Amino acid sequence: MSKSPYSKDPRFSYRLDANGEIHRIEGEQDLVVARYDAKTQAVFFKKVDLRKFKKEVITFMAEDEIKYKSMQREDMPADPVSDSIPKRPKMDKLMGDKTPAVVDWYRQYKPNEFLTRYGVYDQRYTGPVKEIVNDYIVNSAGKEEFRGTIAKPSSVVDALVAERKTHVTFTPEECLNWDDQYNAEDDES
């Protein structure tokens, strides 16, 4: 059983079985929510389970020291493994996998991982947004100092909407006219 923070909730826990299936156990209910391929160290999610269980599954794996190199959606073709793909750029220490060059690399070379890692919705958005951006000032020494975040109103056309904010995605909270029907459609698959 898991030693993750999620397992401290007595209502449910996680386990990885010998077939690579990751189970969420809640009372008498035993639900397979992901699959782990030990050979490729990839975690595969069904589209319908991705938003519900990704964070919990990844936390379970980290806490139980189960190494994974990628996460994928099962309803899409697996990302190519090829020597012709350039090495992923280094992550910025502060930005991690949201480093713009890293996000762009996933988007170009590992599209399944890009959609899964950042939680990109199938539907795009056109309309007003209130983008949350970092605000900097130049101090008396001429150096930039981080001041906080501000909401910057603008409008977008055909924008990517995702659970995680990157330089190429907007969160549903930023999309002022985002309709929950998009979320409902994703959950019905």
N, C-alpha and C. Protein backbone atom coordinates (compact mmCIF):
# COMPACT_ATOMS: atom_id res chain seq x y z
N MET A 1 0.84 -1.19 0.00
CA MET A 1 0.00 0.00 0.00
C MET A 1 0.88 1.25 0.00
N SER A 2 0.29 2.33 -0.37
CA SER A 2 1.00 3.59 -0.51
C SER A 2 1.31 4.23 0.83
N LYS A 3 2.45 4.92 0.89
CA LYS A 3 2.74 5.74 2.04
C LYS A 3 2.59 7.22 1.68
N SER A 4 1.92 7.50 0.56
CA SER A 4 1.74 8.89 0.11
C SER A 4 0.76 9.62 1.02
N PRO A 5 0.76 10.95 0.97
CA PRO A 5 -0.18 11.72 1.80
C PRO A 5 -1.63 11.34 1.51
N TYR A 6 -1.88 10.87 0.29
CA TYR A 6 -3.24 10.49 -0.05
C TYR A 6 -3.67 9.24 0.72
N SER A 7 -2.72 8.39 1.11
CA SER A 7 -3.09 7.18 1.83
C SER A 7 -3.37 7.47 3.30
N LYS A 8 -3.00 8.67 3.77
CA LYS A 8 -3.31 9.04 5.15
C LYS A 8 -4.82 9.23 5.33
N ASP A 9 -5.49 9.48 4.23
CA ASP A 9 -6.94 9.55 4.26
C ASP A 9 -7.43 8.11 4.37
N PRO A 10 -8.07 7.75 5.46
CA PRO A 10 -8.46 6.34 5.65
C PRO A 10 -9.47 5.84 4.63
N ARG A 11 -10.03 6.74 3.83
CA ARG A 11 -11.04 6.31 2.87
C ARG A 11 -10.46 5.64 1.64
N PHE A 12 -9.19 5.93 1.28
CA PHE A 12 -8.63 5.30 0.09
C PHE A 12 -7.11 5.20 0.15
N SER A 13 -6.57 4.30 -0.68
CA SER A 13 -5.13 4.11 -0.80
C SER A 13 -4.83 3.67 -2.23
N TYR A 14 -3.55 3.57 -2.56
CA TYR A 14 -3.11 3.16 -3.90
C TYR A 14 -2.18 1.97 -3.79
N ARG A 15 -2.16 1.16 -4.85
CA ARG A 15 -1.19 0.07 -4.93
C ARG A 15 -0.89 -0.24 -6.39
N LEU A 16 0.31 -0.75 -6.62
CA LEU A 16 0.76 -1.18 -7.94
C LEU A 16 0.81 -2.70 -7.91
N ASP A 17 0.07 -3.35 -8.81
CA ASP A 17 0.08 -4.82 -8.82
C ASP A 17 1.15 -5.36 -9.76
N ALA A 18 1.31 -6.68 -9.79
CA ALA A 18 2.35 -7.34 -10.59
C ALA A 18 2.15 -7.14 -12.09
N ASN A 19 0.93 -6.83 -12.52
CA ASN A 19 0.65 -6.59 -13.95
C ASN A 19 0.87 -5.14 -14.36
N GLY A 20 1.28 -4.30 -13.42
CA GLY A 20 1.53 -2.90 -13.73
C GLY A 20 0.31 -2.01 -13.60
N GLU A 21 -0.79 -2.56 -13.10
CA GLU A 21 -1.98 -1.74 -12.93
C GLU A 21 -1.92 -1.02 -11.59
N ILE A 22 -2.27 0.27 -11.63
CA ILE A 22 -2.30 1.08 -10.42
C ILE A 22 -3.74 1.17 -9.96
N HIS A 23 -3.98 0.71 -8.74
CA HIS A 23 -5.33 0.62 -8.18
C HIS A 23 -5.56 1.72 -7.16
N ARG A 24 -6.74 2.26 -7.18
CA ARG A 24 -7.21 3.16 -6.12
C ARG A 24 -8.24 2.37 -5.34
N ILE A 25 -7.96 2.15 -4.07
CA ILE A 25 -8.83 1.33 -3.24
C ILE A 25 -9.56 2.23 -2.26
N GLU A 26 -10.88 2.17 -2.34
CA GLU A 26 -11.73 2.97 -1.47
C GLU A 26 -12.80 2.05 -0.92
N GLY A 27 -12.63 1.65 0.34
CA GLY A 27 -13.58 0.69 0.93
C GLY A 27 -13.54 -0.62 0.17
N GLU A 28 -14.69 -1.05 -0.31
CA GLU A 28 -14.78 -2.29 -1.09
C GLU A 28 -14.47 -2.06 -2.56
N GLN A 29 -14.41 -0.81 -2.99
CA GLN A 29 -14.19 -0.50 -4.39
C GLN A 29 -12.70 -0.52 -4.72
N ASP A 30 -12.34 -1.29 -5.74
CA ASP A 30 -10.97 -1.38 -6.22
C ASP A 30 -10.99 -0.96 -7.68
N LEU A 31 -10.50 0.24 -7.97
CA LEU A 31 -10.58 0.81 -9.29
C LEU A 31 -9.19 0.96 -9.91
N VAL A 32 -8.99 0.41 -11.11
CA VAL A 32 -7.72 0.60 -11.82
C VAL A 32 -7.78 1.98 -12.46
N VAL A 33 -6.83 2.86 -12.08
CA VAL A 33 -6.85 4.25 -12.56
C VAL A 33 -5.69 4.59 -13.49
N ALA A 34 -4.70 3.70 -13.58
CA ALA A 34 -3.55 3.94 -14.46
C ALA A 34 -2.82 2.61 -14.66
N ARG A 35 -1.89 2.65 -15.60
CA ARG A 35 -1.08 1.48 -15.89
C ARG A 35 0.37 1.92 -15.94
N TYR A 36 1.26 1.09 -15.39
CA TYR A 36 2.68 1.40 -15.36
C TYR A 36 3.45 0.35 -16.14
N ASP A 37 4.27 0.80 -17.08
CA ASP A 37 5.12 -0.09 -17.85
C ASP A 37 6.53 0.04 -17.29
N ALA A 38 6.97 -0.98 -16.53
CA ALA A 38 8.27 -0.92 -15.87
C ALA A 38 9.42 -0.87 -16.86
N LYS A 39 9.26 -1.51 -18.01
CA LYS A 39 10.33 -1.54 -19.01
C LYS A 39 10.63 -0.13 -19.55
N THR A 40 9.58 0.61 -19.92
CA THR A 40 9.78 1.96 -20.46
C THR A 40 9.66 3.03 -19.38
N GLN A 41 9.27 2.63 -18.18
CA GLN A 41 9.03 3.54 -17.05
C GLN A 41 8.03 4.64 -17.43
N ALA A 42 6.95 4.22 -18.08
CA ALA A 42 5.89 5.15 -18.48
C ALA A 42 4.62 4.84 -17.71
N VAL A 43 3.90 5.90 -17.36
CA VAL A 43 2.60 5.77 -16.70
C VAL A 43 1.55 6.14 -17.74
N PHE A 44 0.56 5.27 -17.90
CA PHE A 44 -0.50 5.49 -18.89
C PHE A 44 -1.82 5.72 -18.17
N PHE A 45 -2.53 6.78 -18.59
CA PHE A 45 -3.83 7.12 -18.01
C PHE A 45 -4.90 7.01 -19.08
N LYS A 46 -6.08 6.55 -18.67
CA LYS A 46 -7.24 6.67 -19.54
C LYS A 46 -7.61 8.15 -19.51
N LYS A 47 -8.10 8.65 -20.62
CA LYS A 47 -8.45 10.07 -20.70
C LYS A 47 -9.41 10.47 -19.57
N VAL A 48 -10.38 9.64 -19.29
CA VAL A 48 -11.38 9.97 -18.28
C VAL A 48 -10.78 10.01 -16.88
N ASP A 49 -9.70 9.28 -16.63
CA ASP A 49 -9.08 9.23 -15.31
C ASP A 49 -7.97 10.26 -15.11
N LEU A 50 -7.50 10.84 -16.19
CA LEU A 50 -6.34 11.71 -16.13
C LEU A 50 -6.53 12.86 -15.14
N ARG A 51 -7.56 13.64 -15.30
CA ARG A 51 -7.77 14.81 -14.42
C ARG A 51 -8.16 14.41 -13.01
N LYS A 52 -8.81 13.27 -12.87
CA LYS A 52 -9.26 12.84 -11.55
C LYS A 52 -8.12 12.30 -10.69
N PHE A 53 -7.18 11.56 -11.32
CA PHE A 53 -6.23 10.79 -10.52
C PHE A 53 -4.75 11.05 -10.79
N LYS A 54 -4.41 11.87 -11.79
CA LYS A 54 -3.00 12.04 -12.15
C LYS A 54 -2.16 12.50 -10.96
N LYS A 55 -2.58 13.54 -10.29
CA LYS A 55 -1.81 14.09 -9.17
C LYS A 55 -1.62 13.05 -8.07
N GLU A 56 -2.69 12.31 -7.76
CA GLU A 56 -2.61 11.30 -6.71
C GLU A 56 -1.70 10.14 -7.12
N VAL A 57 -1.80 9.69 -8.37
CA VAL A 57 -0.99 8.58 -8.85
C VAL A 57 0.49 8.97 -8.85
N ILE A 58 0.81 10.15 -9.35
CA ILE A 58 2.20 10.59 -9.41
C ILE A 58 2.76 10.75 -7.99
N THR A 59 1.97 11.26 -7.06
CA THR A 59 2.41 11.37 -5.67
C THR A 59 2.64 9.99 -5.07
N PHE A 60 1.72 9.06 -5.32
CA PHE A 60 1.88 7.68 -4.84
C PHE A 60 3.20 7.10 -5.35
N MET A 61 3.48 7.28 -6.63
CA MET A 61 4.69 6.72 -7.21
C MET A 61 5.95 7.35 -6.61
N ALA A 62 5.93 8.65 -6.40
CA ALA A 62 7.08 9.33 -5.81
C ALA A 62 7.31 8.85 -4.38
N GLU A 63 6.24 8.77 -3.61
CA GLU A 63 6.36 8.34 -2.21
C GLU A 63 6.82 6.90 -2.09
N ASP A 64 6.40 6.06 -3.03
CA ASP A 64 6.80 4.65 -3.01
C ASP A 64 8.07 4.39 -3.83
N GLU A 65 8.71 5.49 -4.27
CA GLU A 65 9.97 5.44 -5.00
C GLU A 65 9.89 4.57 -6.25
N ILE A 66 8.79 4.70 -6.98
CA ILE A 66 8.61 4.02 -8.26
C ILE A 66 9.00 5.02 -9.33
N LYS A 67 10.08 4.74 -10.04
CA LYS A 67 10.58 5.70 -11.03
C LYS A 67 9.75 5.67 -12.29
N TYR A 68 9.48 6.86 -12.82
CA TYR A 68 8.81 6.97 -14.12
C TYR A 68 9.51 8.05 -14.92
N LYS A 69 9.56 7.84 -16.23
CA LYS A 69 10.20 8.80 -17.13
C LYS A 69 9.19 9.60 -17.93
N SER A 70 8.00 9.03 -18.12
CA SER A 70 7.00 9.76 -18.90
C SER A 70 5.61 9.38 -18.44
N MET A 71 4.67 10.24 -18.80
CA MET A 71 3.25 9.95 -18.57
C MET A 71 2.53 10.16 -19.89
N GLN A 72 1.60 9.27 -20.19
CA GLN A 72 0.94 9.27 -21.49
C GLN A 72 -0.55 9.02 -21.33
N ARG A 73 -1.30 9.42 -22.33
CA ARG A 73 -2.72 9.04 -22.40
C ARG A 73 -2.84 7.79 -23.26
N GLU A 74 -3.64 6.84 -22.79
CA GLU A 74 -3.79 5.58 -23.51
C GLU A 74 -4.58 5.72 -24.80
N ASP A 75 -5.43 6.75 -24.90
CA ASP A 75 -6.28 6.91 -26.09
C ASP A 75 -5.55 7.57 -27.26
N MET A 76 -4.27 7.83 -27.11
CA MET A 76 -3.48 8.48 -28.15
C MET A 76 -2.29 7.60 -28.52
N PRO A 77 -1.75 7.79 -29.72
CA PRO A 77 -0.54 7.05 -30.07
C PRO A 77 0.59 7.41 -29.09
N ALA A 78 1.36 6.40 -28.72
CA ALA A 78 2.50 6.65 -27.81
C ALA A 78 3.51 7.55 -28.50
N ASP A 79 4.22 8.33 -27.71
CA ASP A 79 5.24 9.21 -28.26
C ASP A 79 6.37 8.39 -28.87
N PRO A 80 6.95 8.90 -29.95
CA PRO A 80 8.03 8.15 -30.60
C PRO A 80 9.29 8.10 -29.73
N VAL A 81 10.01 7.01 -29.84
CA VAL A 81 11.31 6.88 -29.21
C VAL A 81 12.30 6.77 -30.36
N SER A 82 13.14 7.78 -30.49
CA SER A 82 14.02 7.82 -31.65
C SER A 82 15.30 8.57 -31.30
N ASP A 83 16.39 8.12 -31.89
CA ASP A 83 17.67 8.81 -31.70
C ASP A 83 17.71 10.14 -32.45
N SER A 84 16.77 10.34 -33.37
CA SER A 84 16.75 11.59 -34.14
C SER A 84 16.10 12.74 -33.37
N ILE A 85 15.45 12.42 -32.25
CA ILE A 85 14.84 13.47 -31.43
C ILE A 85 15.94 14.12 -30.59
N PRO A 86 16.06 15.44 -30.64
CA PRO A 86 17.10 16.09 -29.84
C PRO A 86 16.86 15.88 -28.34
N LYS A 87 17.92 15.98 -27.60
CA LYS A 87 17.85 15.84 -26.14
C LYS A 87 16.99 16.97 -25.57
N ARG A 88 16.20 16.63 -24.56
CA ARG A 88 15.36 17.65 -23.93
C ARG A 88 16.23 18.74 -23.31
N PRO A 89 15.85 20.01 -23.49
CA PRO A 89 16.61 21.10 -22.88
C PRO A 89 16.61 20.97 -21.35
N LYS A 90 17.58 21.61 -20.72
CA LYS A 90 17.66 21.60 -19.26
C LYS A 90 16.53 22.43 -18.67
N MET A 91 16.04 21.97 -17.54
CA MET A 91 14.99 22.70 -16.83
C MET A 91 15.62 23.79 -15.98
N ASP A 92 14.98 24.94 -15.96
CA ASP A 92 15.37 26.01 -15.06
C ASP A 92 15.08 25.54 -13.63
N LYS A 93 15.96 25.86 -12.70
CA LYS A 93 15.79 25.39 -11.32
C LYS A 93 14.49 25.89 -10.69
N LEU A 94 14.07 27.08 -11.05
CA LEU A 94 12.85 27.63 -10.47
C LEU A 94 11.59 27.24 -11.26
N MET A 95 11.72 27.10 -12.57
CA MET A 95 10.55 26.83 -13.40
C MET A 95 10.28 25.34 -13.61
N GLY A 96 11.28 24.51 -13.43
CA GLY A 96 11.11 23.08 -13.61
C GLY A 96 10.61 22.74 -15.00
N ASP A 97 9.58 21.87 -15.08
CA ASP A 97 9.09 21.44 -16.39
C ASP A 97 8.25 22.51 -17.09
N LYS A 98 8.10 23.69 -16.46
CA LYS A 98 7.42 24.81 -17.12
C LYS A 98 8.41 25.75 -17.81
N THR A 99 9.69 25.40 -17.81
CA THR A 99 10.70 26.16 -18.54
C THR A 99 10.26 26.24 -20.00
N PRO A 100 10.15 27.42 -20.59
CA PRO A 100 9.62 27.54 -21.95
C PRO A 100 10.26 26.61 -22.98
N ALA A 101 11.58 26.46 -22.96
CA ALA A 101 12.23 25.57 -23.93
C ALA A 101 11.82 24.12 -23.71
N VAL A 102 11.61 23.73 -22.47
CA VAL A 102 11.19 22.36 -22.15
C VAL A 102 9.75 22.13 -22.62
N VAL A 103 8.86 23.08 -22.33
CA VAL A 103 7.47 22.99 -22.78
C VAL A 103 7.43 22.87 -24.31
N ASP A 104 8.18 23.72 -24.99
CA ASP A 104 8.22 23.69 -26.46
C ASP A 104 8.75 22.36 -26.98
N TRP A 105 9.76 21.79 -26.29
CA TRP A 105 10.32 20.51 -26.70
C TRP A 105 9.27 19.40 -26.57
N TYR A 106 8.57 19.36 -25.42
CA TYR A 106 7.51 18.36 -25.27
C TYR A 106 6.45 18.54 -26.34
N ARG A 107 6.06 19.75 -26.59
CA ARG A 107 5.01 20.02 -27.58
C ARG A 107 5.42 19.55 -28.97
N GLN A 108 6.67 19.76 -29.33
CA GLN A 108 7.13 19.40 -30.67
C GLN A 108 7.48 17.92 -30.80
N TYR A 109 8.18 17.36 -29.82
CA TYR A 109 8.72 16.01 -29.97
C TYR A 109 7.98 14.92 -29.20
N LYS A 110 7.23 15.28 -28.18
CA LYS A 110 6.50 14.32 -27.36
C LYS A 110 5.07 14.83 -27.13
N PRO A 111 4.25 14.86 -28.19
CA PRO A 111 2.91 15.46 -28.07
C PRO A 111 2.01 14.78 -27.05
N ASN A 112 2.08 13.47 -26.92
CA ASN A 112 1.24 12.78 -25.93
C ASN A 112 1.67 13.21 -24.53
N GLU A 113 2.95 13.21 -24.27
CA GLU A 113 3.48 13.64 -22.97
C GLU A 113 3.10 15.10 -22.70
N PHE A 114 3.18 15.96 -23.71
CA PHE A 114 2.81 17.37 -23.55
C PHE A 114 1.37 17.49 -23.08
N LEU A 115 0.45 16.81 -23.77
CA LEU A 115 -0.97 16.89 -23.40
C LEU A 115 -1.23 16.33 -22.02
N THR A 116 -0.54 15.24 -21.67
CA THR A 116 -0.75 14.58 -20.38
C THR A 116 -0.09 15.35 -19.24
N ARG A 117 1.15 15.72 -19.42
CA ARG A 117 1.92 16.40 -18.36
C ARG A 117 1.26 17.71 -17.92
N TYR A 118 0.79 18.49 -18.89
CA TYR A 118 0.23 19.81 -18.56
C TYR A 118 -1.29 19.80 -18.46
N GLY A 119 -1.92 18.65 -18.74
CA GLY A 119 -3.37 18.54 -18.62
C GLY A 119 -4.12 19.37 -19.64
N VAL A 120 -3.67 19.32 -20.90
CA VAL A 120 -4.28 20.13 -21.95
C VAL A 120 -5.65 19.55 -22.32
N TYR A 121 -6.65 20.43 -22.36
CA TYR A 121 -8.00 20.04 -22.74
C TYR A 121 -8.07 19.87 -24.25
N ASP A 122 -9.00 19.04 -24.71
CA ASP A 122 -9.17 18.83 -26.15
C ASP A 122 -9.71 20.07 -26.83
N GLN A 123 -10.53 20.84 -26.14
CA GLN A 123 -11.14 22.02 -26.74
C GLN A 123 -10.23 23.23 -26.57
N ARG A 124 -10.30 24.12 -27.55
CA ARG A 124 -9.54 25.37 -27.48
C ARG A 124 -10.48 26.48 -27.07
N TYR A 125 -9.93 27.64 -26.78
CA TYR A 125 -10.72 28.75 -26.27
C TYR A 125 -10.45 30.02 -27.07
N THR A 126 -11.52 30.73 -27.39
CA THR A 126 -11.44 32.05 -28.01
C THR A 126 -12.25 33.00 -27.16
N GLY A 127 -11.65 34.09 -26.75
CA GLY A 127 -12.37 35.06 -25.94
C GLY A 127 -11.46 35.82 -25.01
N PRO A 128 -12.06 36.55 -24.06
CA PRO A 128 -11.26 37.34 -23.13
C PRO A 128 -10.58 36.47 -22.08
N VAL A 129 -9.37 36.87 -21.72
CA VAL A 129 -8.62 36.19 -20.67
C VAL A 129 -8.08 37.21 -19.68
N LYS A 130 -7.87 36.73 -18.49
CA LYS A 130 -7.21 37.51 -17.45
C LYS A 130 -5.95 36.71 -17.11
N GLU A 131 -4.91 36.93 -17.90
CA GLU A 131 -3.68 36.16 -17.77
C GLU A 131 -2.92 36.60 -16.52
N ILE A 132 -2.50 35.64 -15.73
CA ILE A 132 -1.71 35.93 -14.53
C ILE A 132 -0.24 35.89 -14.94
N VAL A 133 0.45 37.02 -14.80
CA VAL A 133 1.85 37.13 -15.20
C VAL A 133 2.69 37.67 -14.05
N ASN A 134 3.97 37.37 -14.11
CA ASN A 134 4.90 37.90 -13.10
C ASN A 134 5.15 39.37 -13.37
N ASP A 135 5.25 40.14 -12.31
CA ASP A 135 5.47 41.58 -12.42
C ASP A 135 6.85 41.89 -11.83
N TYR A 136 7.65 42.62 -12.58
CA TYR A 136 8.99 42.98 -12.14
C TYR A 136 9.14 44.50 -12.16
N ILE A 137 10.00 45.00 -11.30
CA ILE A 137 10.37 46.41 -11.32
C ILE A 137 11.89 46.47 -11.41
N VAL A 138 12.40 47.60 -11.88
CA VAL A 138 13.84 47.80 -11.90
C VAL A 138 14.18 48.61 -10.65
N ASN A 139 15.03 48.04 -9.81
CA ASN A 139 15.38 48.72 -8.56
C ASN A 139 16.43 49.81 -8.80
N SER A 140 16.83 50.49 -7.74
CA SER A 140 17.76 51.61 -7.87
C SER A 140 19.14 51.17 -8.37
N ALA A 141 19.46 49.89 -8.21
CA ALA A 141 20.75 49.38 -8.71
C ALA A 141 20.65 48.96 -10.17
N GLY A 142 19.45 49.11 -10.76
CA GLY A 142 19.27 48.77 -12.17
C GLY A 142 18.98 47.30 -12.42
N LYS A 143 18.70 46.56 -11.36
CA LYS A 143 18.40 45.14 -11.51
C LYS A 143 16.90 44.91 -11.37
N GLU A 144 16.42 43.88 -12.10
CA GLU A 144 15.00 43.54 -12.02
C GLU A 144 14.71 42.82 -10.71
N GLU A 145 13.61 43.20 -10.08
CA GLU A 145 13.15 42.53 -8.86
C GLU A 145 11.73 42.06 -9.07
N PHE A 146 11.48 40.83 -8.64
CA PHE A 146 10.13 40.27 -8.74
C PHE A 146 9.24 41.00 -7.73
N ARG A 147 8.09 41.50 -8.22
CA ARG A 147 7.18 42.25 -7.37
C ARG A 147 5.95 41.44 -6.99
N GLY A 148 5.67 40.41 -7.74
CA GLY A 148 4.47 39.61 -7.49
C GLY A 148 3.82 39.25 -8.82
N THR A 149 2.57 38.85 -8.75
CA THR A 149 1.84 38.54 -9.97
C THR A 149 0.71 39.54 -10.15
N ILE A 150 0.39 39.79 -11.41
CA ILE A 150 -0.71 40.69 -11.73
C ILE A 150 -1.60 40.03 -12.77
N ALA A 151 -2.83 40.48 -12.85
CA ALA A 151 -3.76 40.00 -13.87
C ALA A 151 -3.70 40.95 -15.05
N LYS A 152 -3.40 40.39 -16.21
CA LYS A 152 -3.26 41.19 -17.42
C LYS A 152 -4.41 40.82 -18.37
N PRO A 153 -5.39 41.72 -18.56
CA PRO A 153 -6.51 41.39 -19.44
C PRO A 153 -6.10 41.45 -20.91
N SER A 154 -6.59 40.51 -21.68
CA SER A 154 -6.36 40.49 -23.11
C SER A 154 -7.40 39.57 -23.75
N SER A 155 -7.23 39.31 -25.01
CA SER A 155 -8.15 38.43 -25.72
C SER A 155 -7.32 37.43 -26.53
N VAL A 156 -7.81 36.20 -26.62
CA VAL A 156 -7.07 35.16 -27.35
C VAL A 156 -7.97 34.50 -28.38
N VAL A 157 -7.34 33.89 -29.37
CA VAL A 157 -8.05 33.15 -30.40
C VAL A 157 -7.44 31.75 -30.46
N ASP A 158 -8.28 30.74 -30.34
CA ASP A 158 -7.86 29.35 -30.49
C ASP A 158 -6.72 28.98 -29.53
N ALA A 159 -6.84 29.39 -28.27
CA ALA A 159 -5.80 29.17 -27.26
C ALA A 159 -5.90 27.78 -26.64
N LEU A 160 -4.76 27.24 -26.25
CA LEU A 160 -4.72 25.98 -25.52
C LEU A 160 -5.11 26.23 -24.07
N VAL A 161 -6.01 25.40 -23.54
CA VAL A 161 -6.42 25.50 -22.16
C VAL A 161 -5.93 24.24 -21.46
N ALA A 162 -5.32 24.42 -20.29
CA ALA A 162 -4.72 23.29 -19.58
C ALA A 162 -4.85 23.47 -18.08
N GLU A 163 -4.67 22.38 -17.37
CA GLU A 163 -4.70 22.44 -15.91
C GLU A 163 -3.50 23.19 -15.36
N ARG A 164 -2.38 23.15 -16.09
CA ARG A 164 -1.16 23.80 -15.64
C ARG A 164 -0.81 24.95 -16.57
N LYS A 165 -0.54 26.09 -16.00
CA LYS A 165 -0.18 27.29 -16.75
C LYS A 165 1.25 27.18 -17.27
N THR A 166 1.41 27.43 -18.57
CA THR A 166 2.74 27.54 -19.17
C THR A 166 2.72 28.76 -20.08
N HIS A 167 3.80 28.99 -20.78
CA HIS A 167 3.85 30.14 -21.68
C HIS A 167 2.98 29.93 -22.92
N VAL A 168 2.49 28.69 -23.16
CA VAL A 168 1.64 28.43 -24.32
C VAL A 168 0.23 27.97 -23.93
N THR A 169 -0.07 27.92 -22.64
CA THR A 169 -1.40 27.48 -22.19
C THR A 169 -2.01 28.48 -21.22
N PHE A 170 -3.32 28.45 -21.16
CA PHE A 170 -4.08 29.24 -20.20
C PHE A 170 -4.85 28.26 -19.32
N THR A 171 -5.05 28.61 -18.06
CA THR A 171 -5.86 27.77 -17.18
C THR A 171 -7.33 28.15 -17.37
N PRO A 172 -8.27 27.25 -17.02
CA PRO A 172 -9.68 27.61 -17.12
C PRO A 172 -10.03 28.87 -16.33
N GLU A 173 -9.33 29.09 -15.22
CA GLU A 173 -9.59 30.28 -14.39
C GLU A 173 -9.21 31.57 -15.12
N GLU A 174 -8.24 31.49 -16.01
CA GLU A 174 -7.82 32.67 -16.77
C GLU A 174 -8.77 32.97 -17.92
N CYS A 175 -9.48 31.97 -18.41
CA CYS A 175 -10.40 32.13 -19.54
C CYS A 175 -11.75 32.59 -19.01
N LEU A 176 -12.05 33.85 -19.17
CA LEU A 176 -13.20 34.47 -18.50
C LEU A 176 -14.55 33.89 -18.92
N ASN A 177 -14.67 33.39 -20.14
CA ASN A 177 -15.93 32.82 -20.58
C ASN A 177 -15.84 31.30 -20.77
N TRP A 178 -14.91 30.68 -20.06
CA TRP A 178 -14.73 29.22 -20.17
C TRP A 178 -16.01 28.55 -19.70
N ASP A 179 -16.51 27.65 -20.51
CA ASP A 179 -17.77 26.98 -20.22
C ASP A 179 -17.48 25.60 -19.65
N ASP A 180 -18.12 25.25 -18.54
CA ASP A 180 -17.90 23.94 -17.92
C ASP A 180 -18.31 22.79 -18.82
N GLN A 181 -19.01 23.06 -19.90
CA GLN A 181 -19.39 21.98 -20.81
C GLN A 181 -18.13 21.33 -21.37
N TYR A 182 -17.04 22.09 -21.50
CA TYR A 182 -15.79 21.52 -21.98
C TYR A 182 -15.33 20.42 -21.02
N ASN A 183 -15.38 20.71 -19.72
CA ASN A 183 -14.96 19.72 -18.73
C ASN A 183 -15.87 18.52 -18.76
N ALA A 184 -17.17 18.72 -18.89
CA ALA A 184 -18.12 17.61 -18.92
C ALA A 184 -17.86 16.70 -20.11
N GLU A 185 -17.55 17.31 -21.27
CA GLU A 185 -17.26 16.50 -22.46
C GLU A 185 -16.03 15.63 -22.23
N ASP A 186 -14.99 16.19 -21.58
CA ASP A 186 -13.80 15.42 -21.32
C ASP A 186 -14.09 14.24 -20.40
N ASP A 187 -14.94 14.43 -19.41
CA ASP A 187 -15.23 13.39 -18.44
C ASP A 187 -16.10 12.28 -19.00
N GLU A 188 -16.79 12.51 -20.12
CA GLU A 188 -17.70 11.50 -20.66
C GLU A 188 -17.00 10.43 -21.46
N SER A 189 -15.75 10.64 -21.86
CA SER A 189 -15.05 9.69 -22.72
C SER A 189 -14.85 8.35 -22.05
